[in-house]
Amino acid sequence: MSLGTDRRDLSSSVGLFISILVRYPEVGTIRFDPKSQTLSFTFLLRSTGCISDEHFAETVRESLEAYSIIEGAPIGTFALRTVAENGIAVLEITRDAASLSQAELALLVGLVRERFADELIIDDADAPGEEDLLEQDELIREMLADLQDGQPERNLIAFRDGGRVLVFNK
């Protein structure tokens, strides 16, 4: 891979992460692992006790299977885990980058929002308007396709900090 191609892939990936975090204020961080070719999305939850992920994981898996049947595309990697400590829980959903679509991402975020509505910590200080949401959806769709065509060889992580989106090569 040439340096120019690597920079374009990296730039597109950074743009994808920024667009996802702008579009979906529910998502706390995004991580790309080049070894496993997976994207991990974390959501922060106010934890008043133990948050069981078994039932929710099954609901998400069933939803992904139904989506897979409708779209005619197989589900690749899927994992869901939670870690709770000191009143905060981190919910992490991992999917393979090769088969993830913008519509599936919207489904995943919607499932989290529906299940954890009262516990979900959302950074919506600068929530985009309806027209901006449609534009972000299109950008995410295009950049996911770019990511799938030429996946970066770097560990990337993006997160929110004080109303800004930061992306790092981990």
C-alpha atoms as a PDB file:
ATOM      1  CA  MET A   1       0.000   0.000   0.000  1.00  0.00           C
ATOM      2  CA  SER A   2       1.454   3.371  -0.935  1.00  0.00           C
ATOM      3  CA  LEU A   3       1.736   6.252   1.501  1.00  0.00           C
ATOM      4  CA  GLY A   4      -0.833   8.275  -0.476  1.00  0.00           C
ATOM      5  CA  THR A   5      -3.349   5.425  -0.418  1.00  0.00           C
ATOM      6  CA  ASP A   6      -2.750   4.917   3.311  1.00  0.00           C
ATOM      7  CA  ARG A   7      -3.389   8.616   3.972  1.00  0.00           C
ATOM      8  CA  ARG A   8      -6.632   8.568   1.947  1.00  0.00           C
ATOM      9  CA  ASP A   9      -7.806   5.469   3.834  1.00  0.00           C
ATOM     10  CA  LEU A  10      -6.871   7.090   7.147  1.00  0.00           C
ATOM     11  CA  SER A  11      -8.551  10.370   6.208  1.00  0.00           C
ATOM     12  CA  SER A  12     -11.721   8.570   5.152  1.00  0.00           C
ATOM     13  CA  SER A  13     -11.711   6.540   8.385  1.00  0.00           C
ATOM     14  CA  VAL A  14     -11.259   9.665  10.493  1.00  0.00           C
ATOM     15  CA  GLY A  15     -14.135  11.298   8.600  1.00  0.00           C
ATOM     16  CA  LEU A  16     -16.276   8.214   9.174  1.00  0.00           C
ATOM     17  CA  PHE A  17     -15.644   8.255  12.909  1.00  0.00           C
ATOM     18  CA  ILE A  18     -16.397  11.967  13.157  1.00  0.00           C
ATOM     19  CA  SER A  19     -19.608  11.569  11.146  1.00  0.00           C
ATOM     20  CA  ILE A  20     -20.791   8.670  13.306  1.00  0.00           C
ATOM     21  CA  LEU A  21     -20.129  10.557  16.533  1.00  0.00           C
ATOM     22  CA  VAL A  22     -21.871  13.680  15.184  1.00  0.00           C
ATOM     23  CA  ARG A  23     -24.831  11.700  13.832  1.00  0.00           C
ATOM     24  CA  TYR A  24     -25.250   9.433  16.846  1.00  0.00           C
ATOM     25  CA  PRO A  25     -24.661  11.336  20.109  1.00  0.00           C
ATOM     26  CA  GLU A  26     -25.443   8.083  21.957  1.00  0.00           C
ATOM     27  CA  VAL A  27     -22.121   6.605  20.804  1.00  0.00           C
ATOM     28  CA  GLY A  28     -19.358   7.456  23.255  1.00  0.00           C
ATOM     29  CA  THR A  29     -16.359   6.017  21.417  1.00  0.00           C
ATOM     30  CA  ILE A  30     -15.511   4.138  18.246  1.00  0.00           C
ATOM     31  CA  ARG A  31     -12.484   1.885  17.874  1.00  0.00           C
ATOM     32  CA  PHE A  32     -11.112   0.199  14.752  1.00  0.00           C
ATOM     33  CA  ASP A  33      -8.898  -2.870  15.161  1.00  0.00           C
ATOM     34  CA  PRO A  34      -7.001  -3.618  11.932  1.00  0.00           C
ATOM     35  CA  LYS A  35      -6.024  -7.141  13.042  1.00  0.00           C
ATOM     36  CA  SER A  36      -9.595  -8.328  13.478  1.00  0.00           C
ATOM     37  CA  GLN A  37     -11.007  -5.770  11.000  1.00  0.00           C
ATOM     38  CA  THR A  38     -13.667  -4.825  13.547  1.00  0.00           C
ATOM     39  CA  LEU A  39     -15.355  -1.648  14.689  1.00  0.00           C
ATOM     40  CA  SER A  40     -16.326  -1.354  18.352  1.00  0.00           C
ATOM     41  CA  PHE A  41     -18.917   1.155  19.506  1.00  0.00           C
ATOM     42  CA  THR A  42     -19.198   2.024  23.178  1.00  0.00           C
ATOM     43  CA  PHE A  43     -22.162   3.529  24.956  1.00  0.00           C
ATOM     44  CA  LEU A  44     -22.032   4.985  28.462  1.00  0.00           C
ATOM     45  CA  LEU A  45     -24.848   4.170  30.857  1.00  0.00           C
ATOM     46  CA  ARG A  46     -25.759   5.353  34.313  1.00  0.00           C
ATOM     47  CA  SER A  47     -25.620   2.141  36.274  1.00  0.00           C
ATOM     48  CA  THR A  48     -27.842   1.763  39.314  1.00  0.00           C
ATOM     49  CA  GLY A  49     -26.867  -1.874  39.647  1.00  0.00           C
ATOM     50  CA  CYS A  50     -25.783  -4.766  37.509  1.00  0.00           C
ATOM     51  CA  ILE A  51     -26.724  -4.338  33.876  1.00  0.00           C
ATOM     52  CA  SER A  52     -27.259  -7.766  32.379  1.00  0.00           C
ATOM     53  CA  ASP A  53     -26.229  -7.997  28.767  1.00  0.00           C
ATOM     54  CA  GLU A  54     -27.402 -11.575  28.062  1.00  0.00           C
ATOM     55  CA  HIS A  55     -31.018 -10.760  27.199  1.00  0.00           C
ATOM     56  CA  PHE A  56     -30.079  -7.576  25.358  1.00  0.00           C
ATOM     57  CA  ALA A  57     -27.330  -9.402  23.424  1.00  0.00           C
ATOM     58  CA  GLU A  58     -29.889 -11.978  22.298  1.00  0.00           C
ATOM     59  CA  THR A  59     -32.298  -9.224  21.230  1.00  0.00           C
ATOM     60  CA  VAL A  60     -29.547  -7.519  19.225  1.00  0.00           C
ATOM     61  CA  ARG A  61     -28.440 -10.808  17.649  1.00  0.00           C
ATOM     62  CA  GLU A  62     -32.028 -11.645  16.635  1.00  0.00           C
ATOM     63  CA  SER A  63     -32.468  -8.149  15.191  1.00  0.00           C
ATOM     64  CA  LEU A  64     -29.225  -8.480  13.218  1.00  0.00           C
ATOM     65  CA  GLU A  65     -30.296 -11.893  11.916  1.00  0.00           C
ATOM     66  CA  ALA A  66     -33.631 -10.460  10.762  1.00  0.00           C
ATOM     67  CA  TYR A  67     -31.818  -7.533   9.131  1.00  0.00           C
ATOM     68  CA  SER A  68     -29.435 -10.004   7.488  1.00  0.00           C
ATOM     69  CA  ILE A  69     -32.328 -11.957   5.999  1.00  0.00           C
ATOM     70  CA  ILE A  70     -33.974  -8.791   4.671  1.00  0.00           C
ATOM     71  CA  GLU A  71     -30.730  -7.456   3.175  1.00  0.00           C
ATOM     72  CA  GLY A  72     -29.439 -10.837   2.038  1.00  0.00           C
ATOM     73  CA  ALA A  73     -26.064 -10.152   3.640  1.00  0.00           C
ATOM     74  CA  PRO A  74     -24.466 -12.442   6.223  1.00  0.00           C
ATOM     75  CA  ILE A  75     -23.649 -11.248   9.719  1.00  0.00           C
ATOM     76  CA  GLY A  76     -19.935 -11.335  10.340  1.00  0.00           C
ATOM     77  CA  THR A  77     -18.400 -10.681  13.734  1.00  0.00           C
ATOM     78  CA  PHE A  78     -20.780  -9.676  16.504  1.00  0.00           C
ATOM     79  CA  ALA A  79     -19.959  -9.293  20.178  1.00  0.00           C
ATOM     80  CA  LEU A  80     -21.599  -7.406  23.010  1.00  0.00           C
ATOM     81  CA  ARG A  81     -20.194  -6.876  26.471  1.00  0.00           C
ATOM     82  CA  THR A  82     -20.782  -4.632  29.466  1.00  0.00           C
ATOM     83  CA  VAL A  83     -18.531  -3.541  32.264  1.00  0.00           C
ATOM     84  CA  ALA A  84     -20.004  -1.668  35.241  1.00  0.00           C
ATOM     85  CA  GLU A  85     -18.055   0.200  37.867  1.00  0.00           C
ATOM     86  CA  ASN A  86     -18.678   3.149  40.181  1.00  0.00           C
ATOM     87  CA  GLY A  87     -22.150   3.967  38.890  1.00  0.00           C
ATOM     88  CA  ILE A  88     -21.186   3.910  35.183  1.00  0.00           C
ATOM     89  CA  ALA A  89     -21.552   1.012  32.776  1.00  0.00           C
ATOM     90  CA  VAL A  90     -19.821   0.710  29.437  1.00  0.00           C
ATOM     91  CA  LEU A  91     -21.738  -1.201  26.782  1.00  0.00           C
ATOM     92  CA  GLU A  92     -19.570  -2.225  23.832  1.00  0.00           C
ATOM     93  CA  ILE A  93     -20.881  -3.623  20.559  1.00  0.00           C
ATOM     94  CA  THR A  94     -18.318  -5.007  18.114  1.00  0.00           C
ATOM     95  CA  ARG A  95     -19.035  -5.677  14.448  1.00  0.00           C
ATOM     96  CA  ASP A  96     -16.822  -6.562  11.510  1.00  0.00           C
ATOM     97  CA  ALA A  97     -16.142  -3.593   9.271  1.00  0.00           C
ATOM     98  CA  ALA A  98     -16.659  -5.620   6.076  1.00  0.00           C
ATOM     99  CA  SER A  99     -20.379  -6.230   6.564  1.00  0.00           C
ATOM    100  CA  LEU A 100     -21.495  -3.248   8.649  1.00  0.00           C
ATOM    101  CA  SER A 101     -23.860  -0.842   6.894  1.00  0.00           C
ATOM    102  CA  GLN A 102     -25.198   2.578   7.844  1.00  0.00           C
ATOM    103  CA  ALA A 103     -28.716   1.133   8.201  1.00  0.00           C
ATOM    104  CA  GLU A 104     -27.423  -1.589  10.528  1.00  0.00           C
ATOM    105  CA  LEU A 105     -25.563   0.994  12.589  1.00  0.00           C
ATOM    106  CA  ALA A 106     -28.806   2.975  12.894  1.00  0.00           C
ATOM    107  CA  LEU A 107     -30.548  -0.238  14.005  1.00  0.00           C
ATOM    108  CA  LEU A 108     -27.900  -0.926  16.671  1.00  0.00           C
ATOM    109  CA  VAL A 109     -28.025   2.620  18.049  1.00  0.00           C
ATOM    110  CA  GLY A 110     -31.834   2.507  18.020  1.00  0.00           C
ATOM    111  CA  LEU A 111     -31.856  -0.758  19.986  1.00  0.00           C
ATOM    112  CA  VAL A 112     -29.498   0.692  22.594  1.00  0.00           C
ATOM    113  CA  ARG A 113     -31.556   3.887  22.798  1.00  0.00           C
ATOM    114  CA  GLU A 114     -34.789   1.932  23.217  1.00  0.00           C
ATOM    115  CA  ARG A 115     -33.492  -0.534  25.817  1.00  0.00           C
ATOM    116  CA  PHE A 116     -31.447   1.919  27.913  1.00  0.00           C
ATOM    117  CA  ALA A 117     -33.392   5.161  27.407  1.00  0.00           C
ATOM    118  CA  ASP A 118     -33.255   6.183  31.074  1.00  0.00           C
ATOM    119  CA  GLU A 119     -29.656   5.080  31.663  1.00  0.00           C
ATOM    120  CA  LEU A 120     -28.040   6.198  28.396  1.00  0.00           C
ATOM    121  CA  ILE A 121     -25.623   9.123  28.680  1.00  0.00           C
ATOM    122  CA  ILE A 122     -26.050  11.238  25.545  1.00  0.00           C
ATOM    123  CA  ASP A 123     -23.871  14.114  24.399  1.00  0.00           C
ATOM    124  CA  ASP A 124     -26.411  16.040  22.335  1.00  0.00           C
ATOM    125  CA  ALA A 125     -25.229  19.576  23.033  1.00  0.00           C
ATOM    126  CA  ASP A 126     -24.910  20.291  19.314  1.00  0.00           C
ATOM    127  CA  ALA A 127     -27.549  17.903  17.981  1.00  0.00           C
ATOM    128  CA  PRO A 128     -27.792  18.172  14.186  1.00  0.00           C
ATOM    129  CA  GLY A 129     -31.043  19.216  12.505  1.00  0.00           C
ATOM    130  CA  GLU A 130     -33.137  16.845  10.386  1.00  0.00           C
ATOM    131  CA  GLU A 131     -31.504  17.909   7.114  1.00  0.00           C
ATOM    132  CA  ASP A 132     -28.061  17.474   8.662  1.00  0.00           C
ATOM    133  CA  LEU A 133     -29.012  13.983   9.859  1.00  0.00           C
ATOM    134  CA  LEU A 134     -29.828  12.887   6.308  1.00  0.00           C
ATOM    135  CA  GLU A 135     -26.540  14.339   5.083  1.00  0.00           C
ATOM    136  CA  GLN A 136     -24.644  12.550   7.857  1.00  0.00           C
ATOM    137  CA  ASP A 137     -26.386   9.267   6.978  1.00  0.00           C
ATOM    138  CA  GLU A 138     -25.222   9.596   3.374  1.00  0.00           C
ATOM    139  CA  LEU A 139     -21.667  10.463   4.438  1.00  0.00           C
ATOM    140  CA  ILE A 140     -21.571   7.466   6.774  1.00  0.00           C
ATOM    141  CA  ARG A 141     -22.881   5.200   3.996  1.00  0.00           C
ATOM    142  CA  GLU A 142     -20.187   6.405   1.585  1.00  0.00           C
ATOM    143  CA  MET A 143     -17.341   6.298   4.095  1.00  0.00           C
ATOM    144  CA  LEU A 144     -18.287   2.809   5.307  1.00  0.00           C
ATOM    145  CA  ALA A 145     -18.007   1.681   1.687  1.00  0.00           C
ATOM    146  CA  ASP A 146     -14.585   3.361   1.481  1.00  0.00           C
ATOM    147  CA  LEU A 147     -13.509   1.646   4.700  1.00  0.00           C
ATOM    148  CA  GLN A 148     -14.611  -1.711   3.345  1.00  0.00           C
ATOM    149  CA  ASP A 149     -12.695  -1.145   0.085  1.00  0.00           C
ATOM    150  CA  GLY A 150      -9.432  -0.107   1.711  1.00  0.00           C
ATOM    151  CA  GLN A 151      -9.264  -0.693   5.431  1.00  0.00           C
ATOM    152  CA  PRO A 152      -6.561   1.228   7.301  1.00  0.00           C
ATOM    153  CA  GLU A 153      -3.731  -0.672   8.919  1.00  0.00           C
ATOM    154  CA  ARG A 154      -3.826   1.435  12.078  1.00  0.00           C
ATOM    155  CA  ASN A 155      -5.638   1.129  15.375  1.00  0.00           C
ATOM    156  CA  LEU A 156      -7.927   4.135  15.490  1.00  0.00           C
ATOM    157  CA  ILE A 157     -10.052   5.416  18.331  1.00  0.00           C
ATOM    158  CA  ALA A 158     -12.470   8.350  18.343  1.00  0.00           C
ATOM    159  CA  PHE A 159     -14.287   9.819  21.312  1.00  0.00           C
ATOM    160  CA  ARG A 160     -16.004  12.924  22.611  1.00  0.00           C
ATOM    161  CA  ASP A 161     -14.330  15.403  24.931  1.00  0.00           C
ATOM    162  CA  GLY A 162     -15.970  18.650  25.977  1.00  0.00           C
ATOM    163  CA  GLY A 163     -18.145  18.967  22.877  1.00  0.00           C
ATOM    164  CA  ARG A 164     -15.308  18.030  20.509  1.00  0.00           C
ATOM    165  CA  VAL A 165     -14.630  14.806  18.635  1.00  0.00           C
ATOM    166  CA  LEU A 166     -11.062  13.549  18.932  1.00  0.00           C
ATOM    167  CA  VAL A 167      -9.544  10.812  16.751  1.00  0.00           C
ATOM    168  CA  PHE A 168      -6.262   9.118  17.610  1.00  0.00           C
ATOM    169  CA  ASN A 169      -4.010   6.521  16.090  1.00  0.00           C
ATOM    170  CA  LYS A 170      -3.742   4.176  19.063  1.00  0.00           C
END
